[in-house]
Amino acid sequence: MPSTTPGAHVFHPTNSQATTVSSPPNSPRSGSPTIEAPNPKDPDEEETLPASSGSRTSGHAPATPTRPTPTRNRTSQGAAALLDMSRNFANVGEALTAALAPPSAATMQLPPTPIRQTNAVAAILRLEKSWLNNLQIIAFIEILRKDKTAADIYLALTEDDVRKDWVSAQLETTGHLF
């Protein structure tokens, strides 16, 4: 009976894809083939095959991919809850910022300056004619012509008493109230 090394021809699934056949140095028969596992390779290193014009003489292509499958990160329920809370706080902060911010000029939809000045002069002639003389009306129109902010303020004043006191104060600063 021939003597062979027990387990020499057994498949080991933990070995790498390619195997080489050689005879171990302590083998009783030098012609008896044994399976030897190659050194493990880096999983990120790609296997390169030599380019040949004829048929392949090296081993078969691996049956499984050489790159590891990407792992999926899992988060605990506590971490997911904290992330959700931080997103909600960010949304609340954005809502508060939008609510407390002063309106921009684009959202106020003011008419152009010439139209506002025309409206201010028309309001002066309609509302202040009863208590101002013509020279005071002309002086007040001149104030609003020079100061466009004053014209906007005048148009915004809706209370009669407050508007009259404000007009009087503007005319006093220029010396036209007598």
N, C-alpha and C. Protein backbone atom coordinates (compact mmCIF):
# COMPACT_ATOMS: atom_id res chain seq x y z
N MET A 1 0.81 -1.18 0.00
CA MET A 1 0.00 0.00 0.00
C MET A 1 0.86 1.25 0.00
N PRO A 2 0.49 2.21 -0.85
CA PRO A 2 1.30 3.43 -0.86
C PRO A 2 1.03 4.26 0.38
N SER A 3 2.04 4.91 0.79
CA SER A 3 1.89 5.75 1.98
C SER A 3 1.73 7.20 1.56
N THR A 4 0.64 7.88 1.99
CA THR A 4 0.41 9.31 1.71
C THR A 4 0.16 10.02 3.02
N THR A 5 0.39 11.27 3.00
CA THR A 5 0.17 12.07 4.20
C THR A 5 -1.32 12.25 4.38
N PRO A 6 -1.86 11.91 5.58
CA PRO A 6 -3.29 12.06 5.78
C PRO A 6 -3.69 13.54 5.72
N GLY A 7 -4.80 13.81 5.00
CA GLY A 7 -5.34 15.17 4.91
C GLY A 7 -4.62 16.03 3.90
N ALA A 8 -3.74 15.46 3.10
CA ALA A 8 -2.98 16.26 2.15
C ALA A 8 -3.86 16.75 1.01
N HIS A 9 -4.90 16.01 0.67
CA HIS A 9 -5.75 16.40 -0.46
C HIS A 9 -7.13 16.87 0.00
N VAL A 10 -7.22 17.41 1.18
CA VAL A 10 -8.49 17.89 1.73
C VAL A 10 -8.64 19.37 1.42
N PHE A 11 -9.87 19.77 1.01
CA PHE A 11 -10.16 21.18 0.71
C PHE A 11 -10.38 21.95 2.00
N HIS A 12 -9.71 23.06 2.14
CA HIS A 12 -9.87 23.94 3.30
C HIS A 12 -10.53 25.23 2.82
N PRO A 13 -11.82 25.53 3.19
CA PRO A 13 -12.51 26.72 2.66
C PRO A 13 -11.92 28.03 3.16
N THR A 14 -11.13 28.04 4.21
CA THR A 14 -10.57 29.29 4.71
C THR A 14 -9.36 29.71 3.91
N ASN A 15 -8.87 28.84 3.06
CA ASN A 15 -7.72 29.21 2.25
C ASN A 15 -8.14 30.20 1.18
N SER A 16 -7.17 30.90 0.64
CA SER A 16 -7.40 31.86 -0.42
C SER A 16 -7.81 31.15 -1.69
N GLN A 17 -8.18 31.91 -2.76
CA GLN A 17 -8.71 31.33 -3.98
C GLN A 17 -7.66 30.50 -4.72
N ALA A 18 -6.47 30.96 -4.82
CA ALA A 18 -5.44 30.27 -5.61
C ALA A 18 -4.60 29.40 -4.69
N THR A 19 -4.30 28.19 -5.12
CA THR A 19 -3.43 27.29 -4.35
C THR A 19 -2.33 26.79 -5.25
N THR A 20 -1.24 26.43 -4.65
CA THR A 20 -0.13 25.89 -5.43
C THR A 20 0.17 24.49 -4.94
N VAL A 21 0.67 23.68 -5.80
CA VAL A 21 1.00 22.30 -5.47
C VAL A 21 2.51 22.20 -5.36
N SER A 22 2.96 21.66 -4.23
CA SER A 22 4.40 21.44 -4.04
C SER A 22 4.58 20.28 -3.09
N SER A 23 5.74 19.83 -2.99
CA SER A 23 5.99 18.73 -2.06
C SER A 23 6.68 19.27 -0.84
N PRO A 24 6.19 18.89 0.34
CA PRO A 24 6.81 19.39 1.56
C PRO A 24 8.19 18.76 1.75
N PRO A 25 9.05 19.45 2.48
CA PRO A 25 10.40 18.93 2.64
C PRO A 25 10.42 17.63 3.45
N ASN A 26 9.51 17.39 4.35
CA ASN A 26 9.53 16.20 5.20
C ASN A 26 8.63 15.10 4.68
N SER A 27 8.22 15.15 3.44
CA SER A 27 7.30 14.19 2.88
C SER A 27 8.01 12.87 2.63
N PRO A 28 7.30 11.69 2.94
CA PRO A 28 7.94 10.43 2.69
C PRO A 28 8.10 10.16 1.21
N ARG A 29 7.18 10.63 0.38
CA ARG A 29 7.31 10.47 -1.07
C ARG A 29 7.47 11.82 -1.70
N SER A 30 8.49 11.98 -2.45
CA SER A 30 8.72 13.28 -3.06
C SER A 30 7.77 13.53 -4.22
N GLY A 31 7.16 12.53 -4.77
CA GLY A 31 6.24 12.70 -5.89
C GLY A 31 4.82 12.94 -5.45
N SER A 32 4.52 12.88 -4.17
CA SER A 32 3.16 13.06 -3.67
C SER A 32 2.84 14.54 -3.57
N PRO A 33 1.80 15.02 -4.27
CA PRO A 33 1.48 16.46 -4.22
C PRO A 33 0.75 16.81 -2.92
N THR A 34 1.03 18.00 -2.41
CA THR A 34 0.32 18.53 -1.24
C THR A 34 -0.17 19.93 -1.58
N ILE A 35 -1.20 20.37 -0.88
CA ILE A 35 -1.78 21.70 -1.13
C ILE A 35 -1.21 22.65 -0.10
N GLU A 36 -0.76 23.77 -0.60
CA GLU A 36 -0.15 24.75 0.27
C GLU A 36 -0.87 26.08 0.05
N ALA A 37 -1.30 26.76 1.10
CA ALA A 37 -2.02 28.03 0.97
C ALA A 37 -1.04 29.16 0.74
N PRO A 38 -1.35 30.07 -0.18
CA PRO A 38 -0.46 31.21 -0.40
C PRO A 38 -0.61 32.21 0.74
N ASN A 39 0.27 33.19 0.74
CA ASN A 39 0.20 34.24 1.76
C ASN A 39 -1.07 35.04 1.55
N PRO A 40 -1.74 35.44 2.64
CA PRO A 40 -2.96 36.24 2.47
C PRO A 40 -2.63 37.58 1.85
N LYS A 41 -3.54 38.04 0.97
CA LYS A 41 -3.33 39.32 0.28
C LYS A 41 -4.15 40.41 0.97
N ASP A 42 -3.74 41.61 0.67
CA ASP A 42 -4.48 42.77 1.14
C ASP A 42 -5.80 42.81 0.37
N PRO A 43 -6.98 42.96 1.06
CA PRO A 43 -8.26 42.94 0.34
C PRO A 43 -8.43 44.11 -0.62
N ASP A 44 -7.73 45.23 -0.39
CA ASP A 44 -7.86 46.38 -1.28
C ASP A 44 -6.98 46.25 -2.51
N GLU A 45 -6.01 45.30 -2.48
CA GLU A 45 -5.10 45.14 -3.61
C GLU A 45 -5.77 44.30 -4.67
N GLU A 46 -5.76 44.80 -5.89
CA GLU A 46 -6.41 44.07 -6.97
C GLU A 46 -5.45 43.07 -7.56
N GLU A 47 -6.02 41.95 -8.02
CA GLU A 47 -5.20 40.92 -8.64
C GLU A 47 -5.02 41.28 -10.09
N THR A 48 -3.77 41.26 -10.53
CA THR A 48 -3.51 41.56 -11.93
C THR A 48 -3.05 40.29 -12.60
N LEU A 49 -3.61 40.02 -13.74
CA LEU A 49 -3.25 38.84 -14.51
C LEU A 49 -2.27 39.25 -15.59
N PRO A 50 -1.29 38.40 -15.88
CA PRO A 50 -0.35 38.76 -16.94
C PRO A 50 -1.05 38.74 -18.28
N ALA A 51 -0.73 39.70 -19.11
CA ALA A 51 -1.36 39.79 -20.43
C ALA A 51 -0.69 38.78 -21.34
N SER A 52 -1.50 37.96 -21.98
CA SER A 52 -0.94 36.99 -22.91
C SER A 52 -1.85 36.91 -24.12
N SER A 53 -1.26 36.60 -25.24
CA SER A 53 -2.05 36.54 -26.47
C SER A 53 -2.73 35.19 -26.63
N GLY A 54 -2.23 34.17 -25.94
CA GLY A 54 -2.79 32.83 -26.06
C GLY A 54 -3.74 32.53 -24.93
N SER A 55 -3.89 31.24 -24.66
CA SER A 55 -4.78 30.83 -23.59
C SER A 55 -4.13 31.09 -22.24
N ARG A 56 -4.96 31.16 -21.21
CA ARG A 56 -4.47 31.41 -19.86
C ARG A 56 -3.86 30.13 -19.30
N THR A 57 -2.70 30.26 -18.75
CA THR A 57 -2.06 29.11 -18.12
C THR A 57 -2.12 29.23 -16.61
N SER A 58 -2.50 30.42 -16.10
CA SER A 58 -2.61 30.56 -14.64
C SER A 58 -3.96 30.00 -14.20
N GLY A 59 -4.25 30.09 -12.93
CA GLY A 59 -5.47 29.52 -12.35
C GLY A 59 -6.72 30.18 -12.88
N HIS A 60 -7.84 29.71 -12.42
CA HIS A 60 -9.14 30.24 -12.81
C HIS A 60 -9.40 31.57 -12.12
N ALA A 61 -10.32 32.34 -12.68
CA ALA A 61 -10.72 33.59 -12.05
C ALA A 61 -11.43 33.28 -10.74
N PRO A 62 -11.28 34.11 -9.71
CA PRO A 62 -11.91 33.82 -8.43
C PRO A 62 -13.43 33.81 -8.55
N ALA A 63 -14.06 32.92 -7.81
CA ALA A 63 -15.51 32.79 -7.84
C ALA A 63 -16.19 33.88 -7.03
N THR A 64 -15.52 34.44 -6.07
CA THR A 64 -16.08 35.50 -5.23
C THR A 64 -15.32 36.79 -5.50
N PRO A 65 -15.95 37.95 -5.31
CA PRO A 65 -15.25 39.20 -5.56
C PRO A 65 -14.09 39.37 -4.59
N THR A 66 -13.04 40.04 -5.06
CA THR A 66 -11.87 40.25 -4.22
C THR A 66 -12.03 41.43 -3.29
N ARG A 67 -12.96 42.32 -3.56
CA ARG A 67 -13.16 43.49 -2.69
C ARG A 67 -14.23 43.16 -1.67
N PRO A 68 -14.05 43.63 -0.45
CA PRO A 68 -15.08 43.38 0.56
C PRO A 68 -16.32 44.21 0.28
N THR A 69 -17.45 43.69 0.68
CA THR A 69 -18.70 44.44 0.50
C THR A 69 -18.73 45.58 1.49
N PRO A 70 -19.28 46.73 1.10
CA PRO A 70 -19.32 47.86 2.02
C PRO A 70 -20.22 47.55 3.21
N THR A 71 -19.78 47.97 4.37
CA THR A 71 -20.57 47.73 5.57
C THR A 71 -21.53 48.88 5.78
N ARG A 72 -22.66 48.58 6.32
CA ARG A 72 -23.67 49.59 6.59
C ARG A 72 -23.51 50.04 8.03
N ASN A 73 -23.43 51.35 8.22
CA ASN A 73 -23.33 51.90 9.57
C ASN A 73 -24.70 51.85 10.22
N ARG A 74 -24.73 51.33 11.40
CA ARG A 74 -25.99 51.27 12.13
C ARG A 74 -25.89 52.20 13.32
N THR A 75 -26.96 52.90 13.58
CA THR A 75 -26.99 53.78 14.74
C THR A 75 -28.01 53.25 15.73
N SER A 76 -27.74 53.52 16.97
CA SER A 76 -28.65 53.06 18.00
C SER A 76 -29.89 53.97 18.01
N GLN A 77 -30.90 53.53 18.72
CA GLN A 77 -32.14 54.32 18.79
C GLN A 77 -31.89 55.64 19.52
N GLY A 78 -31.03 55.60 20.53
CA GLY A 78 -30.72 56.83 21.27
C GLY A 78 -30.02 57.84 20.38
N ALA A 79 -29.05 57.36 19.58
CA ALA A 79 -28.34 58.27 18.68
C ALA A 79 -29.28 58.82 17.62
N ALA A 80 -30.17 57.99 17.10
CA ALA A 80 -31.14 58.45 16.10
C ALA A 80 -32.07 59.50 16.71
N ALA A 81 -32.47 59.30 17.95
CA ALA A 81 -33.34 60.28 18.61
C ALA A 81 -32.62 61.60 18.80
N LEU A 82 -31.33 61.56 19.18
CA LEU A 82 -30.57 62.80 19.34
C LEU A 82 -30.41 63.53 18.01
N LEU A 83 -30.15 62.81 16.94
CA LEU A 83 -30.06 63.44 15.63
C LEU A 83 -31.37 64.09 15.23
N ASP A 84 -32.47 63.41 15.50
CA ASP A 84 -33.79 63.95 15.17
C ASP A 84 -34.07 65.22 15.98
N MET A 85 -33.71 65.20 17.26
CA MET A 85 -33.92 66.39 18.10
C MET A 85 -33.08 67.56 17.61
N SER A 86 -31.84 67.30 17.21
CA SER A 86 -30.99 68.40 16.74
C SER A 86 -31.56 69.00 15.45
N ARG A 87 -32.11 68.16 14.57
CA ARG A 87 -32.74 68.68 13.36
C ARG A 87 -33.96 69.54 13.70
N ASN A 88 -34.75 69.08 14.67
CA ASN A 88 -35.94 69.85 15.07
C ASN A 88 -35.55 71.19 15.68
N PHE A 89 -34.48 71.21 16.51
CA PHE A 89 -34.04 72.48 17.08
C PHE A 89 -33.54 73.42 16.00
N ALA A 90 -32.88 72.89 14.99
CA ALA A 90 -32.43 73.73 13.88
C ALA A 90 -33.63 74.33 13.16
N ASN A 91 -34.68 73.54 12.96
CA ASN A 91 -35.88 74.05 12.30
C ASN A 91 -36.55 75.14 13.14
N VAL A 92 -36.58 74.96 14.46
CA VAL A 92 -37.18 75.97 15.34
C VAL A 92 -36.37 77.25 15.27
N GLY A 93 -35.04 77.12 15.27
CA GLY A 93 -34.18 78.31 15.18
C GLY A 93 -34.40 79.07 13.89
N GLU A 94 -34.53 78.35 12.79
CA GLU A 94 -34.78 79.01 11.51
C GLU A 94 -36.14 79.69 11.51
N ALA A 95 -37.15 79.06 12.10
CA ALA A 95 -38.48 79.66 12.15
C ALA A 95 -38.48 80.93 13.00
N LEU A 96 -37.78 80.90 14.13
CA LEU A 96 -37.70 82.09 14.98
C LEU A 96 -36.96 83.22 14.27
N THR A 97 -35.88 82.88 13.58
CA THR A 97 -35.14 83.90 12.86
C THR A 97 -36.01 84.55 11.80
N ALA A 98 -36.76 83.74 11.08
CA ALA A 98 -37.63 84.29 10.04
C ALA A 98 -38.76 85.13 10.63
N ALA A 99 -39.28 84.71 11.79
CA ALA A 99 -40.41 85.44 12.39
C ALA A 99 -39.96 86.76 13.02
N LEU A 100 -38.77 86.79 13.60
CA LEU A 100 -38.32 87.99 14.30
C LEU A 100 -37.53 88.95 13.44
N ALA A 101 -37.16 88.55 12.24
CA ALA A 101 -36.39 89.42 11.36
C ALA A 101 -37.28 90.53 10.82
N PRO A 102 -36.71 91.71 10.68
CA PRO A 102 -37.52 92.79 10.10
C PRO A 102 -37.81 92.49 8.64
N PRO A 103 -38.95 92.95 8.16
CA PRO A 103 -39.29 92.67 6.76
C PRO A 103 -38.29 93.34 5.82
N SER A 104 -37.95 92.67 4.77
CA SER A 104 -37.02 93.23 3.81
C SER A 104 -37.76 94.20 2.87
N ALA A 105 -37.01 94.98 2.16
CA ALA A 105 -37.61 95.95 1.24
C ALA A 105 -38.40 95.25 0.15
N ALA A 106 -37.97 94.03 -0.22
CA ALA A 106 -38.67 93.30 -1.28
C ALA A 106 -40.05 92.83 -0.82
N THR A 107 -40.19 92.51 0.48
CA THR A 107 -41.48 92.02 0.95
C THR A 107 -42.44 93.14 1.31
N MET A 108 -41.95 94.35 1.51
CA MET A 108 -42.82 95.45 1.90
C MET A 108 -43.61 96.00 0.71
N GLN A 109 -43.14 95.85 -0.48
CA GLN A 109 -43.83 96.27 -1.70
C GLN A 109 -44.22 97.75 -1.65
N LEU A 110 -43.24 98.60 -1.38
CA LEU A 110 -43.49 100.04 -1.41
C LEU A 110 -43.50 100.51 -2.86
N PRO A 111 -44.37 101.47 -3.15
CA PRO A 111 -44.33 102.03 -4.50
C PRO A 111 -43.04 102.81 -4.70
N PRO A 112 -42.66 103.08 -5.92
CA PRO A 112 -41.44 103.85 -6.18
C PRO A 112 -41.50 105.24 -5.54
N THR A 113 -40.32 105.82 -5.32
CA THR A 113 -40.22 107.10 -4.62
C THR A 113 -41.06 108.22 -5.25
N PRO A 114 -41.06 108.42 -6.56
CA PRO A 114 -41.89 109.52 -7.12
C PRO A 114 -43.37 109.36 -6.79
N ILE A 115 -43.85 108.14 -6.79
CA ILE A 115 -45.26 107.92 -6.47
C ILE A 115 -45.52 108.22 -4.99
N ARG A 116 -44.58 107.82 -4.13
CA ARG A 116 -44.75 108.11 -2.70
C ARG A 116 -44.73 109.61 -2.44
N GLN A 117 -43.84 110.33 -3.13
CA GLN A 117 -43.80 111.79 -2.94
C GLN A 117 -45.09 112.45 -3.45
N THR A 118 -45.60 111.96 -4.56
CA THR A 118 -46.86 112.51 -5.08
C THR A 118 -48.00 112.23 -4.10
N ASN A 119 -48.02 111.03 -3.53
CA ASN A 119 -49.04 110.70 -2.53
C ASN A 119 -48.92 111.57 -1.29
N ALA A 120 -47.66 111.87 -0.87
CA ALA A 120 -47.46 112.72 0.31
C ALA A 120 -47.96 114.14 0.06
N VAL A 121 -47.68 114.68 -1.11
CA VAL A 121 -48.15 116.04 -1.43
C VAL A 121 -49.67 116.07 -1.49
N ALA A 122 -50.27 115.05 -2.07
CA ALA A 122 -51.73 115.00 -2.14
C ALA A 122 -52.32 114.90 -0.73
N ALA A 123 -51.67 114.14 0.16
CA ALA A 123 -52.16 114.03 1.55
C ALA A 123 -52.02 115.35 2.28
N ILE A 124 -50.95 116.09 2.03
CA ILE A 124 -50.77 117.40 2.67
C ILE A 124 -51.90 118.34 2.24
N LEU A 125 -52.16 118.37 0.96
CA LEU A 125 -53.20 119.28 0.46
C LEU A 125 -54.58 118.87 0.96
N ARG A 126 -54.78 117.60 1.18
CA ARG A 126 -56.09 117.13 1.64
C ARG A 126 -56.24 117.26 3.17
N LEU A 127 -55.20 116.95 3.93
CA LEU A 127 -55.33 116.86 5.39
C LEU A 127 -54.88 118.11 6.14
N GLU A 128 -53.92 118.85 5.61
CA GLU A 128 -53.33 119.94 6.38
C GLU A 128 -53.83 121.32 5.92
N LYS A 129 -54.68 121.35 4.92
CA LYS A 129 -55.19 122.62 4.37
C LYS A 129 -56.02 123.38 5.41
N SER A 130 -56.65 122.63 6.32
CA SER A 130 -57.54 123.28 7.29
C SER A 130 -56.78 124.03 8.39
N TRP A 131 -55.58 123.70 8.70
CA TRP A 131 -54.90 124.36 9.81
C TRP A 131 -53.55 124.99 9.46
N LEU A 132 -53.04 124.80 8.20
CA LEU A 132 -51.80 125.44 7.77
C LEU A 132 -52.10 126.45 6.67
N ASN A 133 -51.33 127.55 6.66
CA ASN A 133 -51.50 128.51 5.55
C ASN A 133 -50.66 128.05 4.37
N ASN A 134 -50.78 128.73 3.25
CA ASN A 134 -50.11 128.30 2.02
C ASN A 134 -48.58 128.28 2.15
N LEU A 135 -47.99 129.28 2.81
CA LEU A 135 -46.53 129.31 2.98
C LEU A 135 -46.05 128.12 3.83
N GLN A 136 -46.81 127.77 4.86
CA GLN A 136 -46.44 126.61 5.69
C GLN A 136 -46.58 125.31 4.91
N ILE A 137 -47.60 125.19 4.07
CA ILE A 137 -47.78 123.99 3.24
C ILE A 137 -46.61 123.85 2.27
N ILE A 138 -46.22 124.98 1.65
CA ILE A 138 -45.09 124.95 0.72
C ILE A 138 -43.80 124.58 1.45
N ALA A 139 -43.59 125.11 2.63
CA ALA A 139 -42.38 124.79 3.42
C ALA A 139 -42.39 123.31 3.79
N PHE A 140 -43.54 122.78 4.15
CA PHE A 140 -43.62 121.36 4.53
C PHE A 140 -43.40 120.46 3.30
N ILE A 141 -43.93 120.84 2.15
CA ILE A 141 -43.69 120.08 0.92
C ILE A 141 -42.19 120.07 0.60
N GLU A 142 -41.53 121.20 0.80
CA GLU A 142 -40.08 121.28 0.56
C GLU A 142 -39.31 120.36 1.53
N ILE A 143 -39.76 120.29 2.78
CA ILE A 143 -39.12 119.37 3.74
C ILE A 143 -39.24 117.93 3.24
N LEU A 144 -40.43 117.55 2.79
CA LEU A 144 -40.64 116.17 2.33
C LEU A 144 -39.91 115.89 1.01
N ARG A 145 -39.70 116.93 0.19
CA ARG A 145 -38.96 116.74 -1.06
C ARG A 145 -37.50 116.45 -0.78
N LYS A 146 -36.94 117.12 0.22
CA LYS A 146 -35.52 116.92 0.55
C LYS A 146 -35.28 115.63 1.34
N ASP A 147 -36.25 115.26 2.18
CA ASP A 147 -36.07 114.10 3.05
C ASP A 147 -37.12 113.05 2.72
N LYS A 148 -36.72 112.06 1.94
CA LYS A 148 -37.67 111.03 1.51
C LYS A 148 -38.14 110.15 2.67
N THR A 149 -37.32 110.00 3.68
CA THR A 149 -37.74 109.25 4.87
C THR A 149 -38.85 109.99 5.60
N ALA A 150 -38.76 111.31 5.65
CA ALA A 150 -39.80 112.11 6.29
C ALA A 150 -41.12 111.96 5.53
N ALA A 151 -41.06 111.86 4.21
CA ALA A 151 -42.28 111.66 3.42
C ALA A 151 -42.90 110.30 3.75
N ASP A 152 -42.07 109.26 3.89
CA ASP A 152 -42.59 107.93 4.24
C ASP A 152 -43.21 107.94 5.64
N ILE A 153 -42.56 108.64 6.57
CA ILE A 153 -43.11 108.74 7.93
C ILE A 153 -44.44 109.48 7.91
N TYR A 154 -44.51 110.57 7.16
CA TYR A 154 -45.75 111.34 7.09
C TYR A 154 -46.90 110.48 6.57
N LEU A 155 -46.65 109.69 5.53
CA LEU A 155 -47.69 108.83 4.99
C LEU A 155 -48.09 107.72 5.95
N ALA A 156 -47.18 107.33 6.85
CA ALA A 156 -47.48 106.25 7.79
C ALA A 156 -48.28 106.72 9.00
N LEU A 157 -48.27 108.01 9.29
CA LEU A 157 -48.99 108.53 10.46
C LEU A 157 -50.48 108.56 10.17
N THR A 158 -51.24 107.76 10.93
CA THR A 158 -52.68 107.66 10.69
C THR A 158 -53.51 108.41 11.73
N GLU A 159 -52.95 108.64 12.90
CA GLU A 159 -53.67 109.39 13.94
C GLU A 159 -53.56 110.89 13.66
N ASP A 160 -54.69 111.55 13.63
CA ASP A 160 -54.70 112.98 13.29
C ASP A 160 -53.87 113.81 14.26
N ASP A 161 -54.06 113.61 15.56
CA ASP A 161 -53.34 114.42 16.55
C ASP A 161 -51.83 114.21 16.46
N VAL A 162 -51.43 112.97 16.32
CA VAL A 162 -49.99 112.66 16.23
C VAL A 162 -49.41 113.25 14.94
N ARG A 163 -50.13 113.12 13.83
CA ARG A 163 -49.66 113.65 12.55
C ARG A 163 -49.50 115.18 12.63
N LYS A 164 -50.49 115.86 13.22
CA LYS A 164 -50.42 117.33 13.31
C LYS A 164 -49.25 117.77 14.20
N ASP A 165 -49.05 117.08 15.31
CA ASP A 165 -47.92 117.43 16.18
C ASP A 165 -46.59 117.18 15.48
N TRP A 166 -46.49 116.11 14.70
CA TRP A 166 -45.25 115.80 13.98
C TRP A 166 -44.98 116.86 12.90
N VAL A 167 -46.04 117.26 12.17
CA VAL A 167 -45.88 118.29 11.13
C VAL A 167 -45.45 119.61 11.79
N SER A 168 -46.05 119.93 12.93
CA SER A 168 -45.67 121.16 13.64
C SER A 168 -44.20 121.11 14.05
N ALA A 169 -43.74 119.96 14.54
CA ALA A 169 -42.34 119.82 14.95
C ALA A 169 -41.41 119.96 13.76
N GLN A 170 -41.78 119.44 12.59
CA GLN A 170 -40.94 119.56 11.39
C GLN A 170 -40.86 121.02 10.93
N LEU A 171 -42.00 121.72 10.99
CA LEU A 171 -42.00 123.12 10.58
C LEU A 171 -41.25 124.00 11.58
N GLU A 172 -41.28 123.66 12.87
CA GLU A 172 -40.56 124.43 13.88
C GLU A 172 -39.06 124.30 13.70
N THR A 173 -38.57 123.11 13.31
CA THR A 173 -37.12 122.92 13.14
C THR A 173 -36.59 123.75 11.97
N THR A 174 -37.43 124.07 11.01
CA THR A 174 -37.00 124.90 9.88
C THR A 174 -37.35 126.38 10.09
N GLY A 175 -38.13 126.66 11.14
CA GLY A 175 -38.49 128.04 11.42
C GLY A 175 -39.66 128.55 10.62
N HIS A 176 -40.50 127.66 10.10
CA HIS A 176 -41.63 128.09 9.30
C HIS A 176 -42.97 128.03 10.03
N LEU A 177 -42.96 127.67 11.28
CA LEU A 177 -44.22 127.65 12.03
C LEU A 177 -44.32 128.98 12.78
N PHE A 178 -45.32 129.76 12.49
CA PHE A 178 -45.48 131.06 13.15
C PHE A 178 -46.89 131.29 13.56
